[in-house]
PDB file of N, CA and C in Angstrom:
ATOM      1  N   UNK A   1     -72.552 120.396   1.026  1.00  0.00           N
ATOM      2  CA  UNK A   1     -71.657 120.012   1.332  1.00  0.00           C
ATOM      3  C   UNK A   1     -71.051 121.697   0.834  1.00  0.00           C
ATOM      4  N   UNK A   2     -70.798 122.479   0.779  1.00  0.00           N
ATOM      5  CA  UNK A   2     -70.139 122.969   0.066  1.00  0.00           C
ATOM      6  C   UNK A   2     -68.296 123.344   1.072  1.00  0.00           C
ATOM      7  N   UNK A   3     -67.817 122.874   0.320  1.00  0.00           N
ATOM      8  CA  UNK A   3     -65.966 122.700   1.172  1.00  0.00           C
ATOM      9  C   UNK A   3     -65.089 124.015   0.425  1.00  0.00           C
ATOM     10  N   UNK A   4     -64.279 125.177   0.705  1.00  0.00           N
ATOM     11  CA  UNK A   4     -63.757 126.085   0.302  1.00  0.00           C
ATOM     12  C   UNK A   4     -62.226 126.427   0.674  1.00  0.00           C
ATOM     13  N   UNK A   5     -60.868 125.968  -0.036  1.00  0.00           N
ATOM     14  CA  UNK A   5     -60.026 126.593   0.898  1.00  0.00           C
ATOM     15  C   UNK A   5     -60.068 127.881   0.667  1.00  0.00           C
ATOM     16  N   UNK A   6     -59.924 128.888   1.844  1.00  0.00           N
ATOM     17  CA  UNK A   6     -59.613 130.094   2.271  1.00  0.00           C
ATOM     18  C   UNK A   6     -58.707 129.944   3.125  1.00  0.00           C
ATOM     19  N   UNK A   7     -57.567 130.850   3.207  1.00  0.00           N
ATOM     20  CA  UNK A   7     -56.468 131.898   3.574  1.00  0.00           C
ATOM     21  C   UNK A   7     -57.299 131.603   4.818  1.00  0.00           C
ATOM     22  N   UNK A   8     -56.565 131.329   5.918  1.00  0.00           N
ATOM     23  CA  UNK A   8     -56.265 131.479   7.206  1.00  0.00           C
ATOM     24  C   UNK A   8     -55.276 132.503   7.656  1.00  0.00           C
ATOM     25  N   UNK A   9     -53.820 132.719   7.711  1.00  0.00           N
ATOM     26  CA  UNK A   9     -52.791 132.986   8.339  1.00  0.00           C
ATOM     27  C   UNK A   9     -52.378 133.886   7.093  1.00  0.00           C
ATOM     28  N   UNK A  10     -52.284 135.691   7.082  1.00  0.00           N
ATOM     29  CA  UNK A  10     -53.008 136.400   7.763  1.00  0.00           C
ATOM     30  C   UNK A  10     -54.361 135.725   7.136  1.00  0.00           C
ATOM     31  N   UNK A  11     -55.630 136.726   7.554  1.00  0.00           N
ATOM     32  CA  UNK A  11     -56.625 135.960   7.622  1.00  0.00           C
ATOM     33  C   UNK A  11     -57.361 136.659   6.403  1.00  0.00           C
ATOM     34  N   UNK A  12     -58.236 135.740   5.841  1.00  0.00           N
ATOM     35  CA  UNK A  12     -58.705 136.608   4.636  1.00  0.00           C
ATOM     36  C   UNK A  12     -59.781 136.967   4.921  1.00  0.00           C
ATOM     37  N   UNK A  13     -60.598 137.736   3.383  1.00  0.00           N
ATOM     38  CA  UNK A  13     -62.059 138.198   3.979  1.00  0.00           C
ATOM     39  C   UNK A  13     -62.745 137.243   4.249  1.00  0.00           C
ATOM     40  N   UNK A  14     -62.509 136.198   2.971  1.00  0.00           N
ATOM     41  CA  UNK A  14     -63.409 135.018   2.832  1.00  0.00           C
ATOM     42  C   UNK A  14     -63.616 133.975   3.966  1.00  0.00           C
ATOM     43  N   UNK A  15     -62.412 133.673   5.276  1.00  0.00           N
ATOM     44  CA  UNK A  15     -61.791 133.404   6.383  1.00  0.00           C
ATOM     45  C   UNK A  15     -63.053 134.348   7.632  1.00  0.00           C
ATOM     46  N   UNK A  16     -62.316 135.043   7.497  1.00  0.00           N
ATOM     47  CA  UNK A  16     -63.282 136.143   8.305  1.00  0.00           C
ATOM     48  C   UNK A  16     -65.142 135.931   8.762  1.00  0.00           C
ATOM     49  N   UNK A  17     -65.384 136.394   6.905  1.00  0.00           N
ATOM     50  CA  UNK A  17     -66.552 136.069   7.231  1.00  0.00           C
ATOM     51  C   UNK A  17     -67.096 134.660   7.834  1.00  0.00           C
ATOM     52  N   UNK A  18     -66.694 133.167   6.909  1.00  0.00           N
ATOM     53  CA  UNK A  18     -67.045 132.456   7.256  1.00  0.00           C
ATOM     54  C   UNK A  18     -66.645 131.657   9.011  1.00  0.00           C
ATOM     55  N   UNK A  19     -65.514 131.745   9.729  1.00  0.00           N
ATOM     56  CA  UNK A  19     -65.035 131.390  10.474  1.00  0.00           C
ATOM     57  C   UNK A  19     -65.481 131.285  11.839  1.00  0.00           C
ATOM     58  N   UNK A  20     -66.786 132.134  12.112  1.00  0.00           N
ATOM     59  CA  UNK A  20     -67.890 131.570  13.239  1.00  0.00           C
ATOM     60  C   UNK A  20     -68.995 130.443  12.859  1.00  0.00           C
ATOM     61  N   UNK A  21     -69.411 130.318  11.426  1.00  0.00           N
ATOM     62  CA  UNK A  21     -70.505 129.401  11.409  1.00  0.00           C
ATOM     63  C   UNK A  21     -69.821 128.259  10.857  1.00  0.00           C
ATOM     64  N   UNK A  22     -68.025 128.144  10.647  1.00  0.00           N
ATOM     65  CA  UNK A  22     -67.674 126.603  10.271  1.00  0.00           C
ATOM     66  C   UNK A  22     -66.981 126.540  11.766  1.00  0.00           C
ATOM     67  N   UNK A  23     -66.957 127.122  12.696  1.00  0.00           N
ATOM     68  CA  UNK A  23     -66.409 126.792  14.031  1.00  0.00           C
ATOM     69  C   UNK A  23     -67.752 125.753  14.802  1.00  0.00           C
ATOM     70  N   UNK A  24     -69.462 126.486  14.877  1.00  0.00           N
ATOM     71  CA  UNK A  24     -70.345 126.100  14.163  1.00  0.00           C
ATOM     72  C   UNK A  24     -70.796 124.251  14.382  1.00  0.00           C
ATOM     73  N   UNK A  25     -70.003 123.761  12.891  1.00  0.00           N
ATOM     74  CA  UNK A  25     -70.726 123.073  11.797  1.00  0.00           C
ATOM     75  C   UNK A  25     -68.931 121.801  13.197  1.00  0.00           C
ATOM     76  N   UNK A  26     -67.719 122.582  13.232  1.00  0.00           N
ATOM     77  CA  UNK A  26     -67.260 121.493  13.557  1.00  0.00           C
ATOM     78  C   UNK A  26     -67.736 121.008  15.200  1.00  0.00           C
ATOM     79  N   UNK A  27     -68.460 122.485  16.298  1.00  0.00           N
ATOM     80  CA  UNK A  27     -68.884 122.209  17.923  1.00  0.00           C
ATOM     81  C   UNK A  27     -70.006 120.982  17.039  1.00  0.00           C
ATOM     82  N   UNK A  28     -70.495 120.833  16.736  1.00  0.00           N
ATOM     83  CA  UNK A  28     -71.751 120.267  16.573  1.00  0.00           C
ATOM     84  C   UNK A  28     -71.544 118.761  16.211  1.00  0.00           C
ATOM     85  N   UNK A  29     -69.717 118.506  15.515  1.00  0.00           N
ATOM     86  CA  UNK A  29     -70.107 117.274  14.846  1.00  0.00           C
ATOM     87  C   UNK A  29     -69.161 117.301  16.179  1.00  0.00           C
ATOM     88  N   UNK A  30     -68.320 117.846  17.216  1.00  0.00           N
ATOM     89  CA  UNK A  30     -67.557 117.556  18.258  1.00  0.00           C
ATOM     90  C   UNK A  30     -68.621 116.803  19.053  1.00  0.00           C
ATOM     91  N   UNK A  31     -70.185 117.483  19.137  1.00  0.00           N
ATOM     92  CA  UNK A  31     -70.562 116.970  19.808  1.00  0.00           C
ATOM     93  C   UNK A  31     -71.899 115.667  19.598  1.00  0.00           C
ATOM     94  N   UNK A  32     -71.874 115.467  18.572  1.00  0.00           N
ATOM     95  CA  UNK A  32     -72.767 114.633  17.602  1.00  0.00           C
ATOM     96  C   UNK A  32     -71.744 113.134  17.569  1.00  0.00           C
ATOM     97  N   UNK A  33     -70.804 113.108  17.308  1.00  0.00           N
ATOM     98  CA  UNK A  33     -69.761 111.846  17.086  1.00  0.00           C
ATOM     99  C   UNK A  33     -68.960 111.621  18.342  1.00  0.00           C
ATOM    100  N   UNK A  34     -68.416 112.744  18.950  1.00  0.00           N
ATOM    101  CA  UNK A  34     -67.458 112.601  20.140  1.00  0.00           C
ATOM    102  C   UNK A  34     -68.286 112.389  21.931  1.00  0.00           C
ATOM    103  N   UNK A  35     -69.623 112.991  21.592  1.00  0.00           N
ATOM    104  CA  UNK A  35     -70.386 113.505  22.595  1.00  0.00           C
ATOM    105  C   UNK A  35     -69.931 114.601  23.851  1.00  0.00           C
ATOM    106  N   UNK A  36     -69.064 115.216  23.317  1.00  0.00           N
ATOM    107  CA  UNK A  36     -68.228 116.572  23.765  1.00  0.00           C
ATOM    108  C   UNK A  36     -69.749 116.883  24.352  1.00  0.00           C
ATOM    109  N   UNK A  37     -70.012 118.099  25.746  1.00  0.00           N
ATOM    110  CA  UNK A  37     -70.291 118.703  26.402  1.00  0.00           C
ATOM    111  C   UNK A  37     -70.889 119.916  24.980  1.00  0.00           C
ATOM    112  N   UNK A  38     -71.796 120.691  25.441  1.00  0.00           N
ATOM    113  CA  UNK A  38     -71.301 121.540  24.795  1.00  0.00           C
ATOM    114  C   UNK A  38     -70.756 122.524  24.436  1.00  0.00           C
ATOM    115  N   UNK A  39     -70.370 123.294  26.512  1.00  0.00           N
ATOM    116  CA  UNK A  39     -69.518 124.099  26.151  1.00  0.00           C
ATOM    117  C   UNK A  39     -68.134 123.864  25.683  1.00  0.00           C
ATOM    118  N   UNK A  40     -67.540 121.909  25.013  1.00  0.00           N
ATOM    119  CA  UNK A  40     -66.586 121.996  24.566  1.00  0.00           C
ATOM    120  C   UNK A  40     -66.339 121.277  23.596  1.00  0.00           C
ATOM    121  N   UNK A  41     -65.162 122.111  22.397  1.00  0.00           N
ATOM    122  CA  UNK A  41     -63.984 122.827  23.113  1.00  0.00           C
ATOM    123  C   UNK A  41     -65.196 124.286  23.134  1.00  0.00           C
ATOM    124  N   UNK A  42     -64.509 125.544  23.238  1.00  0.00           N
ATOM    125  CA  UNK A  42     -64.684 126.742  23.700  1.00  0.00           C
ATOM    126  C   UNK A  42     -63.665 127.578  21.994  1.00  0.00           C
ATOM    127  N   UNK A  43     -64.513 128.301  21.551  1.00  0.00           N
ATOM    128  CA  UNK A  43     -63.261 128.841  20.810  1.00  0.00           C
ATOM    129  C   UNK A  43     -62.630 129.414  20.408  1.00  0.00           C
ATOM    130  N   UNK A  44     -61.619 129.532  21.439  1.00  0.00           N
ATOM    131  CA  UNK A  44     -60.778 129.729  22.474  1.00  0.00           C
ATOM    132  C   UNK A  44     -59.618 128.262  22.913  1.00  0.00           C
ATOM    133  N   UNK A  45     -60.409 126.860  22.074  1.00  0.00           N
ATOM    134  CA  UNK A  45     -59.735 126.038  22.164  1.00  0.00           C
ATOM    135  C   UNK A  45     -59.135 125.837  20.518  1.00  0.00           C
ATOM    136  N   UNK A  46     -60.011 126.576  19.545  1.00  0.00           N
ATOM    137  CA  UNK A  46     -59.595 126.454  18.570  1.00  0.00           C
ATOM    138  C   UNK A  46     -58.730 126.806  18.521  1.00  0.00           C
ATOM    139  N   UNK A  47     -57.218 126.562  17.010  1.00  0.00           N
ATOM    140  CA  UNK A  47     -56.285 126.963  16.934  1.00  0.00           C
ATOM    141  C   UNK A  47     -55.510 126.800  15.482  1.00  0.00           C
ATOM    142  N   UNK A  48     -55.333 127.430  14.602  1.00  0.00           N
ATOM    143  CA  UNK A  48     -55.287 127.704  13.647  1.00  0.00           C
ATOM    144  C   UNK A  48     -53.873 127.047  13.396  1.00  0.00           C
ATOM    145  N   UNK A  49     -53.131 126.698  12.316  1.00  0.00           N
ATOM    146  CA  UNK A  49     -51.559 127.002  12.215  1.00  0.00           C
ATOM    147  C   UNK A  49     -52.010 126.655  10.714  1.00  0.00           C
ATOM    148  N   UNK A  50     -51.195 127.504  10.028  1.00  0.00           N
ATOM    149  CA  UNK A  50     -50.857 127.214   8.046  1.00  0.00           C
ATOM    150  C   UNK A  50     -49.830 125.621   8.151  1.00  0.00           C
ATOM    151  N   UNK A  51     -50.470 125.843   7.262  1.00  0.00           N
ATOM    152  CA  UNK A  51     -49.763 123.641   6.882  1.00  0.00           C
ATOM    153  C   UNK A  51     -47.544 123.878   6.477  1.00  0.00           C
ATOM    154  N   UNK A  52     -46.658 124.762   6.531  1.00  0.00           N
ATOM    155  CA  UNK A  52     -46.046 124.961   6.064  1.00  0.00           C
ATOM    156  C   UNK A  52     -45.123 124.634   7.034  1.00  0.00           C
ATOM    157  N   UNK A  53     -43.551 124.046   6.659  1.00  0.00           N
ATOM    158  CA  UNK A  53     -42.529 123.282   6.761  1.00  0.00           C
ATOM    159  C   UNK A  53     -41.568 125.427   7.468  1.00  0.00           C
ATOM    160  N   UNK A  54     -41.958 125.800   6.653  1.00  0.00           N
ATOM    161  CA  UNK A  54     -41.558 127.302   6.302  1.00  0.00           C
ATOM    162  C   UNK A  54     -42.198 127.958   8.312  1.00  0.00           C
ATOM    163  N   UNK A  55     -42.687 127.717   8.276  1.00  0.00           N
ATOM    164  CA  UNK A  55     -43.521 128.388   9.084  1.00  0.00           C
ATOM    165  C   UNK A  55     -43.613 127.355  11.013  1.00  0.00           C
ATOM    166  N   UNK A  56     -42.290 128.187  11.288  1.00  0.00           N
ATOM    167  CA  UNK A  56     -42.117 127.895  12.741  1.00  0.00           C
ATOM    168  C   UNK A  56     -43.135 126.974  14.102  1.00  0.00           C
ATOM    169  N   UNK A  57     -44.380 127.917  14.131  1.00  0.00           N
ATOM    170  CA  UNK A  57     -45.369 127.356  14.916  1.00  0.00           C
ATOM    171  C   UNK A  57     -46.349 125.950  14.097  1.00  0.00           C
ATOM    172  N   UNK A  58     -46.174 126.024  12.966  1.00  0.00           N
ATOM    173  CA  UNK A  58     -46.332 124.908  12.006  1.00  0.00           C
ATOM    174  C   UNK A  58     -45.370 123.410  12.949  1.00  0.00           C
ATOM    175  N   UNK A  59     -44.087 123.506  12.265  1.00  0.00           N
ATOM    176  CA  UNK A  59     -43.046 122.322  12.527  1.00  0.00           C
ATOM    177  C   UNK A  59     -42.652 122.339  13.870  1.00  0.00           C
ATOM    178  N   UNK A  60     -42.939 123.512  14.970  1.00  0.00           N
ATOM    179  CA  UNK A  60     -42.997 122.982  16.664  1.00  0.00           C
ATOM    180  C   UNK A  60     -44.322 122.013  17.054  1.00  0.00           C
ATOM    181  N   UNK A  61     -45.923 122.476  16.294  1.00  0.00           N
ATOM    182  CA  UNK A  61     -46.788 121.532  16.660  1.00  0.00           C
ATOM    183  C   UNK A  61     -47.177 120.179  15.797  1.00  0.00           C
ATOM    184  N   UNK A  62     -46.205 120.430  15.099  1.00  0.00           N
ATOM    185  CA  UNK A  62     -46.482 119.267  14.032  1.00  0.00           C
ATOM    186  C   UNK A  62     -46.883 117.292  14.873  1.00  0.00           C
ATOM    187  N   UNK A  63     -45.785 117.628  15.521  1.00  0.00           N
ATOM    188  CA  UNK A  63     -45.171 115.808  16.616  1.00  0.00           C
ATOM    189  C   UNK A  63     -46.197 115.328  17.123  1.00  0.00           C
ATOM    190  N   UNK A  64     -47.033 116.765  17.758  1.00  0.00           N
ATOM    191  CA  UNK A  64     -48.051 116.754  18.533  1.00  0.00           C
ATOM    192  C   UNK A  64     -49.861 116.530  18.023  1.00  0.00           C
ATOM    193  N   UNK A  65     -49.377 117.150  16.867  1.00  0.00           N
ATOM    194  CA  UNK A  65     -50.459 117.583  15.902  1.00  0.00           C
ATOM    195  C   UNK A  65     -50.937 116.227  15.502  1.00  0.00           C
ATOM    196  N   UNK A  66     -49.207 115.265  15.066  1.00  0.00           N
ATOM    197  CA  UNK A  66     -49.909 114.313  14.095  1.00  0.00           C
ATOM    198  C   UNK A  66     -49.866 112.841  14.910  1.00  0.00           C
ATOM    199  N   UNK A  67     -48.986 112.743  16.303  1.00  0.00           N
ATOM    200  CA  UNK A  67     -50.240 112.211  17.455  1.00  0.00           C
ATOM    201  C   UNK A  67     -50.973 112.006  17.848  1.00  0.00           C
ATOM    202  N   UNK A  68     -51.606 113.157  18.367  1.00  0.00           N
ATOM    203  CA  UNK A  68     -53.024 113.187  18.268  1.00  0.00           C
ATOM    204  C   UNK A  68     -54.467 112.938  17.305  1.00  0.00           C
ATOM    205  N   UNK A  69     -53.412 113.419  15.811  1.00  0.00           N
ATOM    206  CA  UNK A  69     -54.682 112.818  14.611  1.00  0.00           C
ATOM    207  C   UNK A  69     -54.731 111.435  14.700  1.00  0.00           C
ATOM    208  N   UNK A  70     -52.936 110.422  14.274  1.00  0.00           N
ATOM    209  CA  UNK A  70     -53.161 109.274  14.751  1.00  0.00           C
ATOM    210  C   UNK A  70     -53.616 108.240  16.426  1.00  0.00           C
ATOM    211  N   UNK A  71     -53.576 109.316  17.037  1.00  0.00           N
ATOM    212  CA  UNK A  71     -54.566 108.248  18.005  1.00  0.00           C
ATOM    213  C   UNK A  71     -56.454 108.373  17.978  1.00  0.00           C
ATOM    214  N   UNK A  72     -56.475 109.925  17.221  1.00  0.00           N
ATOM    215  CA  UNK A  72     -57.881 109.881  16.776  1.00  0.00           C
ATOM    216  C   UNK A  72     -58.556 108.594  15.815  1.00  0.00           C
ATOM    217  N   UNK A  73     -57.554 108.398  14.221  1.00  0.00           N
ATOM    218  CA  UNK A  73     -57.789 107.631  13.269  1.00  0.00           C
ATOM    219  C   UNK A  73     -57.941 106.200  14.095  1.00  0.00           C
ATOM    220  N   UNK A  74     -57.557 105.667  14.532  1.00  0.00           N
ATOM    221  CA  UNK A  74     -57.039 104.463  15.283  1.00  0.00           C
ATOM    222  C   UNK A  74     -58.490 104.492  16.381  1.00  0.00           C
ATOM    223  N   UNK A  75     -59.166 104.806  16.520  1.00  0.00           N
ATOM    224  CA  UNK A  75     -59.728 104.984  18.153  1.00  0.00           C
ATOM    225  C   UNK A  75     -61.032 104.867  17.001  1.00  0.00           C
ATOM    226  N   UNK A  76     -61.558 105.996  16.482  1.00  0.00           N
ATOM    227  CA  UNK A  76     -62.535 106.550  16.161  1.00  0.00           C
ATOM    228  C   UNK A  76     -63.138 105.548  14.975  1.00  0.00           C
ATOM    229  N   UNK A  77     -61.673 105.064  13.163  1.00  0.00           N
ATOM    230  CA  UNK A  77     -62.162 104.955  12.873  1.00  0.00           C
ATOM    231  C   UNK A  77     -61.373 103.517  12.264  1.00  0.00           C
ATOM    232  N   UNK A  78     -60.623 103.209  13.689  1.00  0.00           N
ATOM    233  CA  UNK A  78     -60.373 101.969  13.407  1.00  0.00           C
ATOM    234  C   UNK A  78     -59.162 101.620  12.251  1.00  0.00           C
ATOM    235  N   UNK A  79     -58.291 102.838  12.468  1.00  0.00           N
ATOM    236  CA  UNK A  79     -57.543 102.861  11.773  1.00  0.00           C
ATOM    237  C   UNK A  79     -55.662 102.068  12.242  1.00  0.00           C
ATOM    238  N   UNK A  80     -55.128 101.607  11.637  1.00  0.00           N
ATOM    239  CA  UNK A  80     -53.912 100.829  11.808  1.00  0.00           C
ATOM    240  C   UNK A  80     -52.574 101.696  12.378  1.00  0.00           C
ATOM    241  N   UNK A  81     -52.175 101.728  12.934  1.00  0.00           N
ATOM    242  CA  UNK A  81     -51.002 102.655  13.570  1.00  0.00           C
ATOM    243  C   UNK A  81     -50.309 103.143  11.773  1.00  0.00           C
ATOM    244  N   UNK A  82     -49.680 102.000  10.950  1.00  0.00           N
ATOM    245  CA  UNK A  82     -49.063 101.779   9.846  1.00  0.00           C
ATOM    246  C   UNK A  82     -50.114 102.981   9.310  1.00  0.00           C
ATOM    247  N   UNK A  83     -51.419 102.960   8.821  1.00  0.00           N
ATOM    248  CA  UNK A  83     -52.219 103.539   8.423  1.00  0.00           C
ATOM    249  C   UNK A  83     -52.117 104.886   8.171  1.00  0.00           C
ATOM    250  N   UNK A  84     -51.524 105.574   9.349  1.00  0.00           N
ATOM    251  CA  UNK A  84     -51.325 106.708  10.279  1.00  0.00           C
ATOM    252  C   UNK A  84     -50.121 107.691  10.340  1.00  0.00           C
ATOM    253  N   UNK A  85     -49.376 106.957   8.955  1.00  0.00           N
ATOM    254  CA  UNK A  85     -47.818 107.581   9.232  1.00  0.00           C
ATOM    255  C   UNK A  85     -47.938 109.007   8.531  1.00  0.00           C
TER     256      UNK A  85
END
């Protein structure tokens, strides 16, 4: 496994070169771990938002993302609500 941090906004050449492969890894994970059907999630459902409280898109989606993350952690990993703060 090789993890590399690449700039997604604006998309760097490394991001553009690896997005399809990264999406396929994500999709396989969803199918195996969460039993998602092969047609879910679609590439159009994947949304990348820069992690910055200065970015309006990040700020507007932060609460929704944090809630979804907490539900995932509690459901899949059996974390407690306090572990997800």
